[in-house]
Amino acid sequence: LEAIACWLIDFYRTGKSPLLRDFAILETDITYRLFATDSLSEFRMLQRALQEEAFQPFAPPPKAHETPLEKTVGALKALRGLGMDMNRGAAISNNDRKAYWIALLMTHLNVIRLPNPPIRPEQKCQALVAASLICNQLDALYNRSTIEPQLYDVEQLYSPQT
């Protein structure tokens, strides 16, 4: 990337800001516009997968993924790695992690205030789920006790009525 001198992110909501925030915005756009599932359980699987080994140096995702969920997880983890590499190189500090999780929290919370359409009510619920899981990550980074969010009530509340 350095040799070809290009900008990875160039879309309408970015501007002069910390680099990691632009990556968080791009991650949120991919999550809600490209992955765009109505299944809260599938969305929760995505969020949990993204929290495991969340920041690794950039490596292209494997090509032979089977499901849209696996493709999304691979792409977003690769995107995070690229963001961290471009931000500071391979060494990722706790401050970098905190900055990314805070930026990601703000972008997920921003989804809640977006008008319908393009954001559906199910996605607003998903944004709350993501925010609760991100808050748990931030608690751990700030050495505060963490409580695993209980999400089963939310799933029952927003499941399709039969």
N, C-alpha and C. Protein backbone atom coordinates (compact mmCIF):
# COMPACT_ATOMS: atom_id res chain seq x y z
N LEU A 1 0.81 -1.21 0.00
CA LEU A 1 0.00 0.00 0.00
C LEU A 1 0.85 1.27 0.00
N GLU A 2 1.95 1.24 0.72
CA GLU A 2 2.78 2.44 0.77
C GLU A 2 3.36 2.78 -0.61
N ALA A 3 3.70 1.76 -1.37
CA ALA A 3 4.32 2.00 -2.67
C ALA A 3 3.36 2.63 -3.67
N ILE A 4 2.08 2.29 -3.58
CA ILE A 4 1.13 2.84 -4.55
C ILE A 4 0.43 4.10 -4.04
N ALA A 5 0.69 4.48 -2.80
CA ALA A 5 0.19 5.75 -2.24
C ALA A 5 -1.28 5.98 -2.53
N CYS A 6 -2.12 5.11 -2.01
CA CYS A 6 -3.56 5.29 -2.19
C CYS A 6 -4.24 5.46 -0.84
N TRP A 7 -5.46 5.92 -0.88
CA TRP A 7 -6.28 6.01 0.32
C TRP A 7 -7.24 4.85 0.29
N LEU A 8 -7.26 4.09 1.37
CA LEU A 8 -8.14 2.93 1.44
C LEU A 8 -9.59 3.37 1.57
N ILE A 9 -9.84 4.37 2.38
CA ILE A 9 -11.21 4.78 2.67
C ILE A 9 -11.45 6.16 2.07
N ASP A 10 -12.41 6.25 1.21
CA ASP A 10 -12.75 7.53 0.60
C ASP A 10 -14.24 7.50 0.31
N PHE A 11 -15.06 7.70 1.34
CA PHE A 11 -16.49 7.74 1.13
C PHE A 11 -17.07 8.88 1.95
N TYR A 12 -18.31 9.18 1.73
CA TYR A 12 -18.89 10.46 2.12
C TYR A 12 -18.86 10.79 3.61
N ARG A 13 -18.77 9.83 4.52
CA ARG A 13 -18.84 10.16 5.94
C ARG A 13 -17.48 10.30 6.60
N THR A 14 -16.41 10.11 5.88
CA THR A 14 -15.09 10.25 6.50
C THR A 14 -14.64 11.69 6.38
N GLY A 15 -13.71 12.03 7.17
CA GLY A 15 -13.17 13.38 7.13
C GLY A 15 -11.89 13.41 7.93
N LYS A 16 -11.50 14.60 8.33
CA LYS A 16 -10.29 14.74 9.12
C LYS A 16 -10.58 14.16 10.50
N SER A 17 -9.94 13.06 10.81
CA SER A 17 -10.20 12.37 12.08
C SER A 17 -9.13 11.31 12.29
N PRO A 18 -9.13 10.71 13.48
CA PRO A 18 -8.18 9.61 13.69
C PRO A 18 -8.45 8.47 12.70
N LEU A 19 -7.39 7.86 12.23
CA LEU A 19 -7.48 6.79 11.23
C LEU A 19 -8.37 5.65 11.69
N LEU A 20 -8.23 5.22 12.95
CA LEU A 20 -9.00 4.08 13.42
C LEU A 20 -10.50 4.34 13.37
N ARG A 21 -10.90 5.59 13.54
CA ARG A 21 -12.33 5.90 13.46
C ARG A 21 -12.87 5.64 12.06
N ASP A 22 -12.09 5.96 11.05
CA ASP A 22 -12.52 5.69 9.67
C ASP A 22 -12.67 4.19 9.44
N PHE A 23 -11.77 3.40 10.00
CA PHE A 23 -11.90 1.94 9.87
C PHE A 23 -13.13 1.43 10.62
N ALA A 24 -13.42 2.02 11.77
CA ALA A 24 -14.62 1.62 12.52
C ALA A 24 -15.89 1.96 11.73
N ILE A 25 -15.90 3.11 11.07
CA ILE A 25 -17.05 3.49 10.24
C ILE A 25 -17.21 2.50 9.09
N LEU A 26 -16.11 2.15 8.45
CA LEU A 26 -16.18 1.19 7.34
C LEU A 26 -16.66 -0.17 7.85
N GLU A 27 -16.16 -0.61 9.00
CA GLU A 27 -16.61 -1.89 9.57
C GLU A 27 -18.11 -1.87 9.83
N THR A 28 -18.61 -0.79 10.37
CA THR A 28 -20.04 -0.69 10.66
C THR A 28 -20.86 -0.68 9.37
N ASP A 29 -20.39 0.01 8.35
CA ASP A 29 -21.10 -0.01 7.07
C ASP A 29 -21.17 -1.42 6.50
N ILE A 30 -20.06 -2.14 6.56
CA ILE A 30 -20.07 -3.52 6.06
C ILE A 30 -21.05 -4.36 6.87
N THR A 31 -21.05 -4.17 8.18
CA THR A 31 -21.92 -4.96 9.06
C THR A 31 -23.39 -4.75 8.75
N TYR A 32 -23.81 -3.51 8.57
CA TYR A 32 -25.24 -3.22 8.43
C TYR A 32 -25.71 -3.11 6.98
N ARG A 33 -24.83 -2.81 6.06
CA ARG A 33 -25.27 -2.64 4.67
C ARG A 33 -24.96 -3.86 3.80
N LEU A 34 -23.84 -4.52 4.04
CA LEU A 34 -23.49 -5.66 3.20
C LEU A 34 -23.87 -6.99 3.84
N PHE A 35 -23.58 -7.16 5.13
CA PHE A 35 -23.96 -8.41 5.80
C PHE A 35 -25.47 -8.42 6.03
N ALA A 36 -26.01 -7.39 6.59
CA ALA A 36 -27.45 -7.09 6.69
C ALA A 36 -28.35 -8.30 6.90
N THR A 37 -28.21 -8.95 8.03
CA THR A 37 -29.09 -10.06 8.37
C THR A 37 -30.22 -9.59 9.28
N ASP A 38 -31.37 -10.23 9.20
CA ASP A 38 -32.46 -9.93 10.13
C ASP A 38 -32.40 -10.85 11.35
N SER A 39 -31.55 -11.85 11.30
CA SER A 39 -31.43 -12.82 12.39
C SER A 39 -30.56 -12.26 13.50
N LEU A 40 -31.15 -12.07 14.66
CA LEU A 40 -30.39 -11.57 15.80
C LEU A 40 -29.35 -12.59 16.25
N SER A 41 -29.68 -13.87 16.20
CA SER A 41 -28.71 -14.88 16.63
C SER A 41 -27.50 -14.92 15.67
N GLU A 42 -27.74 -14.77 14.37
CA GLU A 42 -26.63 -14.74 13.41
C GLU A 42 -25.78 -13.48 13.61
N PHE A 43 -26.44 -12.36 13.87
CA PHE A 43 -25.72 -11.12 14.12
C PHE A 43 -24.87 -11.25 15.39
N ARG A 44 -25.44 -11.86 16.42
CA ARG A 44 -24.70 -12.04 17.67
C ARG A 44 -23.48 -12.94 17.43
N MET A 45 -23.63 -13.97 16.60
CA MET A 45 -22.48 -14.83 16.27
C MET A 45 -21.38 -14.01 15.58
N LEU A 46 -21.79 -13.10 14.69
CA LEU A 46 -20.82 -12.23 14.03
C LEU A 46 -20.08 -11.39 15.05
N GLN A 47 -20.82 -10.75 15.95
CA GLN A 47 -20.19 -9.88 16.94
C GLN A 47 -19.27 -10.64 17.88
N ARG A 48 -19.68 -11.81 18.30
CA ARG A 48 -18.83 -12.61 19.19
C ARG A 48 -17.55 -13.05 18.46
N ALA A 49 -17.69 -13.45 17.22
CA ALA A 49 -16.51 -13.86 16.44
C ALA A 49 -15.54 -12.70 16.26
N LEU A 50 -16.07 -11.50 16.12
CA LEU A 50 -15.20 -10.33 15.94
C LEU A 50 -14.50 -9.93 17.23
N GLN A 51 -15.00 -10.39 18.37
CA GLN A 51 -14.36 -10.05 19.64
C GLN A 51 -13.27 -11.04 20.02
N GLU A 52 -13.26 -12.21 19.40
CA GLU A 52 -12.21 -13.19 19.67
C GLU A 52 -10.99 -12.84 18.82
N GLU A 53 -9.86 -12.69 19.47
CA GLU A 53 -8.64 -12.33 18.76
C GLU A 53 -8.91 -11.16 17.81
N ALA A 54 -9.46 -10.11 18.36
CA ALA A 54 -9.99 -9.02 17.55
C ALA A 54 -8.94 -8.26 16.75
N PHE A 55 -7.71 -8.20 17.22
CA PHE A 55 -6.72 -7.36 16.54
C PHE A 55 -5.46 -8.16 16.25
N GLN A 56 -5.35 -8.60 15.03
CA GLN A 56 -4.19 -9.33 14.56
C GLN A 56 -3.57 -8.53 13.42
N PRO A 57 -2.26 -8.69 13.20
CA PRO A 57 -1.67 -8.02 12.04
C PRO A 57 -2.40 -8.44 10.76
N PHE A 58 -2.38 -7.56 9.78
CA PHE A 58 -3.12 -7.80 8.54
C PHE A 58 -2.68 -9.09 7.87
N ALA A 59 -3.66 -9.86 7.49
CA ALA A 59 -3.45 -11.05 6.65
C ALA A 59 -4.70 -11.17 5.80
N PRO A 60 -4.56 -11.35 4.50
CA PRO A 60 -5.76 -11.50 3.67
C PRO A 60 -6.59 -12.68 4.16
N PRO A 61 -7.92 -12.52 4.17
CA PRO A 61 -8.76 -13.63 4.63
C PRO A 61 -8.65 -14.81 3.67
N PRO A 62 -8.80 -16.04 4.21
CA PRO A 62 -8.79 -17.20 3.32
C PRO A 62 -9.88 -17.08 2.25
N LYS A 63 -9.63 -17.63 1.09
CA LYS A 63 -10.57 -17.48 -0.02
C LYS A 63 -11.76 -18.44 0.05
N ALA A 64 -11.60 -19.59 0.66
CA ALA A 64 -12.63 -20.62 0.61
C ALA A 64 -13.52 -20.60 1.86
N HIS A 65 -14.27 -19.54 2.04
CA HIS A 65 -15.25 -19.49 3.13
C HIS A 65 -16.56 -20.06 2.62
N GLU A 66 -17.33 -20.62 3.53
CA GLU A 66 -18.56 -21.27 3.11
C GLU A 66 -19.80 -20.40 3.26
N THR A 67 -19.88 -19.63 4.30
CA THR A 67 -21.12 -18.89 4.57
C THR A 67 -20.87 -17.38 4.51
N PRO A 68 -21.93 -16.59 4.33
CA PRO A 68 -21.78 -15.13 4.39
C PRO A 68 -21.22 -14.67 5.74
N LEU A 69 -21.59 -15.36 6.82
CA LEU A 69 -21.08 -15.01 8.14
C LEU A 69 -19.56 -15.18 8.19
N GLU A 70 -19.06 -16.30 7.71
CA GLU A 70 -17.62 -16.55 7.72
C GLU A 70 -16.88 -15.56 6.82
N LYS A 71 -17.47 -15.23 5.68
CA LYS A 71 -16.86 -14.25 4.78
C LYS A 71 -16.77 -12.89 5.47
N THR A 72 -17.84 -12.51 6.14
CA THR A 72 -17.87 -11.21 6.81
C THR A 72 -16.86 -11.16 7.94
N VAL A 73 -16.81 -12.20 8.76
CA VAL A 73 -15.85 -12.25 9.86
C VAL A 73 -14.43 -12.15 9.31
N GLY A 74 -14.11 -12.92 8.28
CA GLY A 74 -12.77 -12.89 7.69
C GLY A 74 -12.42 -11.52 7.14
N ALA A 75 -13.36 -10.92 6.43
CA ALA A 75 -13.10 -9.59 5.84
C ALA A 75 -12.93 -8.53 6.92
N LEU A 76 -13.78 -8.56 7.96
CA LEU A 76 -13.69 -7.54 9.00
C LEU A 76 -12.44 -7.70 9.85
N LYS A 77 -12.04 -8.94 10.12
CA LYS A 77 -10.79 -9.13 10.87
C LYS A 77 -9.59 -8.67 10.04
N ALA A 78 -9.62 -8.93 8.74
CA ALA A 78 -8.54 -8.45 7.88
C ALA A 78 -8.54 -6.92 7.84
N LEU A 79 -9.71 -6.31 7.78
CA LEU A 79 -9.82 -4.85 7.78
C LEU A 79 -9.26 -4.27 9.08
N ARG A 80 -9.60 -4.88 10.21
CA ARG A 80 -9.06 -4.40 11.49
C ARG A 80 -7.54 -4.51 11.51
N GLY A 81 -7.03 -5.63 11.02
CA GLY A 81 -5.58 -5.80 10.98
C GLY A 81 -4.91 -4.75 10.12
N LEU A 82 -5.52 -4.45 8.99
CA LEU A 82 -4.99 -3.42 8.10
C LEU A 82 -5.02 -2.06 8.79
N GLY A 83 -6.12 -1.77 9.47
CA GLY A 83 -6.22 -0.51 10.20
C GLY A 83 -5.16 -0.37 11.27
N MET A 84 -4.94 -1.44 12.01
CA MET A 84 -3.91 -1.40 13.05
C MET A 84 -2.52 -1.28 12.44
N ASP A 85 -2.27 -2.01 11.36
CA ASP A 85 -0.97 -1.92 10.70
C ASP A 85 -0.72 -0.50 10.19
N MET A 86 -1.73 0.12 9.60
CA MET A 86 -1.57 1.47 9.06
C MET A 86 -1.46 2.50 10.18
N ASN A 87 -2.07 2.22 11.31
CA ASN A 87 -2.07 3.16 12.42
C ASN A 87 -0.73 3.18 13.15
N ARG A 88 -0.24 2.01 13.52
CA ARG A 88 0.96 1.97 14.33
C ARG A 88 1.95 0.88 13.93
N GLY A 89 1.62 0.09 12.99
CA GLY A 89 2.48 -1.05 12.69
C GLY A 89 2.00 -2.28 13.46
N ALA A 90 2.84 -3.25 13.57
CA ALA A 90 2.43 -4.54 14.15
C ALA A 90 2.17 -4.47 15.65
N ALA A 91 2.82 -3.58 16.38
CA ALA A 91 2.62 -3.50 17.83
C ALA A 91 1.33 -2.74 18.14
N ILE A 92 0.39 -3.42 18.76
CA ILE A 92 -0.91 -2.82 19.05
C ILE A 92 -1.00 -2.61 20.56
N SER A 93 -1.13 -1.36 20.97
CA SER A 93 -1.19 -1.05 22.39
C SER A 93 -2.62 -1.14 22.90
N ASN A 94 -2.76 -1.15 24.22
CA ASN A 94 -4.09 -1.10 24.81
C ASN A 94 -4.80 0.19 24.44
N ASN A 95 -4.06 1.28 24.31
CA ASN A 95 -4.68 2.54 23.91
C ASN A 95 -5.26 2.45 22.50
N ASP A 96 -4.56 1.75 21.60
CA ASP A 96 -5.10 1.53 20.25
C ASP A 96 -6.38 0.72 20.31
N ARG A 97 -6.37 -0.33 21.12
CA ARG A 97 -7.57 -1.16 21.26
C ARG A 97 -8.73 -0.34 21.82
N LYS A 98 -8.45 0.45 22.85
CA LYS A 98 -9.49 1.29 23.44
C LYS A 98 -10.04 2.27 22.41
N ALA A 99 -9.14 2.91 21.66
CA ALA A 99 -9.58 3.88 20.64
C ALA A 99 -10.48 3.21 19.61
N TYR A 100 -10.11 2.00 19.19
CA TYR A 100 -10.92 1.32 18.18
C TYR A 100 -12.28 0.93 18.75
N TRP A 101 -12.29 0.33 19.95
CA TRP A 101 -13.57 -0.09 20.53
C TRP A 101 -14.48 1.11 20.80
N ILE A 102 -13.91 2.23 21.24
CA ILE A 102 -14.74 3.42 21.47
C ILE A 102 -15.30 3.94 20.15
N ALA A 103 -14.47 3.99 19.12
CA ALA A 103 -14.96 4.42 17.80
C ALA A 103 -16.05 3.48 17.30
N LEU A 104 -15.84 2.19 17.49
CA LEU A 104 -16.83 1.20 17.05
C LEU A 104 -18.12 1.33 17.85
N LEU A 105 -18.01 1.59 19.14
CA LEU A 105 -19.20 1.80 19.97
C LEU A 105 -20.01 2.99 19.44
N MET A 106 -19.32 4.08 19.15
CA MET A 106 -20.02 5.27 18.66
C MET A 106 -20.68 5.03 17.30
N THR A 107 -20.03 4.28 16.43
CA THR A 107 -20.63 4.04 15.12
C THR A 107 -21.84 3.11 15.22
N HIS A 108 -21.78 2.12 16.12
CA HIS A 108 -22.95 1.25 16.31
C HIS A 108 -24.11 2.03 16.94
N LEU A 109 -23.80 2.90 17.91
CA LEU A 109 -24.86 3.71 18.51
C LEU A 109 -25.45 4.68 17.49
N ASN A 110 -24.64 5.15 16.56
CA ASN A 110 -25.13 6.04 15.52
C ASN A 110 -26.16 5.36 14.63
N VAL A 111 -26.04 4.05 14.46
CA VAL A 111 -27.00 3.29 13.66
C VAL A 111 -28.41 3.44 14.24
N ILE A 112 -28.51 3.52 15.56
CA ILE A 112 -29.81 3.60 16.22
C ILE A 112 -30.56 4.87 15.83
N ARG A 113 -29.84 5.95 15.63
CA ARG A 113 -30.51 7.23 15.33
C ARG A 113 -30.81 7.44 13.85
N LEU A 114 -30.28 6.56 12.98
CA LEU A 114 -30.51 6.73 11.54
C LEU A 114 -31.98 6.52 11.21
N PRO A 115 -32.50 7.29 10.27
CA PRO A 115 -33.92 7.15 9.91
C PRO A 115 -34.20 5.86 9.15
N ASN A 116 -35.44 5.46 9.18
CA ASN A 116 -35.86 4.28 8.39
C ASN A 116 -36.38 4.76 7.05
N PRO A 117 -36.12 4.13 5.94
CA PRO A 117 -34.95 3.31 5.67
C PRO A 117 -33.71 4.17 5.60
N PRO A 118 -32.54 3.70 5.50
CA PRO A 118 -32.14 2.35 5.13
C PRO A 118 -32.01 1.40 6.31
N ILE A 119 -32.03 1.91 7.54
CA ILE A 119 -31.85 1.04 8.70
C ILE A 119 -33.20 0.55 9.18
N ARG A 120 -33.33 -0.76 9.28
CA ARG A 120 -34.58 -1.38 9.71
C ARG A 120 -34.62 -1.50 11.23
N PRO A 121 -35.80 -1.65 11.83
CA PRO A 121 -35.89 -1.80 13.29
C PRO A 121 -35.04 -2.97 13.82
N GLU A 122 -34.96 -4.06 13.06
CA GLU A 122 -34.14 -5.20 13.49
C GLU A 122 -32.67 -4.81 13.61
N GLN A 123 -32.22 -3.96 12.71
CA GLN A 123 -30.83 -3.52 12.74
C GLN A 123 -30.57 -2.58 13.92
N LYS A 124 -31.57 -1.80 14.29
CA LYS A 124 -31.40 -0.95 15.47
C LYS A 124 -31.26 -1.80 16.73
N CYS A 125 -32.02 -2.87 16.80
CA CYS A 125 -31.89 -3.82 17.91
C CYS A 125 -30.50 -4.45 17.88
N GLN A 126 -30.03 -4.82 16.71
CA GLN A 126 -28.70 -5.40 16.57
C GLN A 126 -27.62 -4.42 17.03
N ALA A 127 -27.82 -3.15 16.73
CA ALA A 127 -26.85 -2.14 17.14
C ALA A 127 -26.76 -2.06 18.66
N LEU A 128 -27.89 -2.21 19.34
CA LEU A 128 -27.87 -2.23 20.81
C LEU A 128 -27.13 -3.46 21.33
N VAL A 129 -27.34 -4.58 20.68
CA VAL A 129 -26.62 -5.81 21.06
C VAL A 129 -25.12 -5.60 20.89
N ALA A 130 -24.72 -5.08 19.74
CA ALA A 130 -23.30 -4.84 19.48
C ALA A 130 -22.72 -3.87 20.51
N ALA A 131 -23.46 -2.81 20.82
CA ALA A 131 -22.99 -1.82 21.79
C ALA A 131 -22.77 -2.46 23.16
N SER A 132 -23.68 -3.35 23.57
CA SER A 132 -23.52 -3.99 24.88
C SER A 132 -22.28 -4.88 24.91
N LEU A 133 -22.02 -5.59 23.82
CA LEU A 133 -20.83 -6.45 23.76
C LEU A 133 -19.55 -5.62 23.71
N ILE A 134 -19.59 -4.49 23.01
CA ILE A 134 -18.43 -3.60 22.95
C ILE A 134 -18.15 -2.99 24.32
N CYS A 135 -19.20 -2.61 25.04
CA CYS A 135 -19.02 -2.07 26.39
C CYS A 135 -18.34 -3.10 27.29
N ASN A 136 -18.68 -4.36 27.10
CA ASN A 136 -18.04 -5.43 27.86
C ASN A 136 -16.54 -5.49 27.54
N GLN A 137 -16.19 -5.34 26.26
CA GLN A 137 -14.78 -5.31 25.87
C GLN A 137 -14.05 -4.12 26.50
N LEU A 138 -14.70 -2.97 26.49
CA LEU A 138 -14.09 -1.78 27.08
C LEU A 138 -13.90 -1.95 28.59
N ASP A 139 -14.88 -2.54 29.26
CA ASP A 139 -14.73 -2.80 30.70
C ASP A 139 -13.49 -3.64 30.95
N ALA A 140 -13.29 -4.67 30.15
CA ALA A 140 -12.12 -5.54 30.32
C ALA A 140 -10.82 -4.76 30.08
N LEU A 141 -10.79 -3.90 29.07
CA LEU A 141 -9.58 -3.12 28.78
C LEU A 141 -9.28 -2.11 29.88
N TYR A 142 -10.32 -1.61 30.54
CA TYR A 142 -10.13 -0.66 31.63
C TYR A 142 -10.04 -1.36 32.98
N ASN A 143 -9.86 -2.69 32.95
CA ASN A 143 -9.73 -3.50 34.16
C ASN A 143 -10.91 -3.37 35.12
N ARG A 144 -12.09 -3.26 34.55
CA ARG A 144 -13.31 -3.25 35.36
C ARG A 144 -13.95 -4.63 35.24
N SER A 145 -14.75 -4.97 36.22
CA SER A 145 -15.41 -6.28 36.15
C SER A 145 -16.39 -6.26 34.98
N THR A 146 -16.48 -7.40 34.32
CA THR A 146 -17.36 -7.51 33.17
C THR A 146 -18.52 -8.43 33.50
N ILE A 147 -19.63 -8.16 32.89
CA ILE A 147 -20.82 -8.99 33.03
C ILE A 147 -21.25 -9.37 31.63
N GLU A 148 -21.35 -10.66 31.40
CA GLU A 148 -21.78 -11.13 30.07
C GLU A 148 -23.20 -10.65 29.81
N PRO A 149 -23.43 -9.88 28.75
CA PRO A 149 -24.78 -9.40 28.46
C PRO A 149 -25.74 -10.56 28.23
N GLN A 150 -26.91 -10.47 28.84
CA GLN A 150 -27.95 -11.47 28.64
C GLN A 150 -28.88 -10.95 27.55
N LEU A 151 -28.88 -11.62 26.42
CA LEU A 151 -29.56 -11.09 25.25
C LEU A 151 -30.82 -11.86 24.87
N TYR A 152 -31.15 -12.88 25.61
CA TYR A 152 -32.29 -13.71 25.21
C TYR A 152 -33.60 -12.95 25.24
N ASP A 153 -33.77 -12.01 26.16
CA ASP A 153 -35.02 -11.24 26.21
C ASP A 153 -35.18 -10.38 24.96
N VAL A 154 -34.11 -9.79 24.49
CA VAL A 154 -34.15 -8.96 23.30
C VAL A 154 -34.55 -9.79 22.09
N GLU A 155 -33.99 -10.99 21.99
CA GLU A 155 -34.30 -11.85 20.85
C GLU A 155 -35.78 -12.21 20.84
N GLN A 156 -36.36 -12.50 21.98
CA GLN A 156 -37.78 -12.82 22.05
C GLN A 156 -38.63 -11.60 21.70
N LEU A 157 -38.17 -10.45 22.12
CA LEU A 157 -38.91 -9.22 21.88
C LEU A 157 -39.00 -8.90 20.39
N TYR A 158 -37.93 -9.16 19.64
CA TYR A 158 -37.89 -8.78 18.23
C TYR A 158 -38.01 -9.95 17.28
N SER A 159 -38.36 -11.12 17.78
CA SER A 159 -38.54 -12.24 16.85
C SER A 159 -39.82 -12.04 16.07
N PRO A 160 -39.87 -12.53 14.83
CA PRO A 160 -41.06 -12.34 14.00
C PRO A 160 -42.30 -12.93 14.66
N GLN A 161 -43.37 -12.19 14.60
CA GLN A 161 -44.65 -12.64 15.18
C GLN A 161 -45.29 -13.66 14.26
N THR A 162 -45.77 -14.75 14.86
CA THR A 162 -46.45 -15.78 14.05
C THR A 162 -47.91 -15.83 14.38
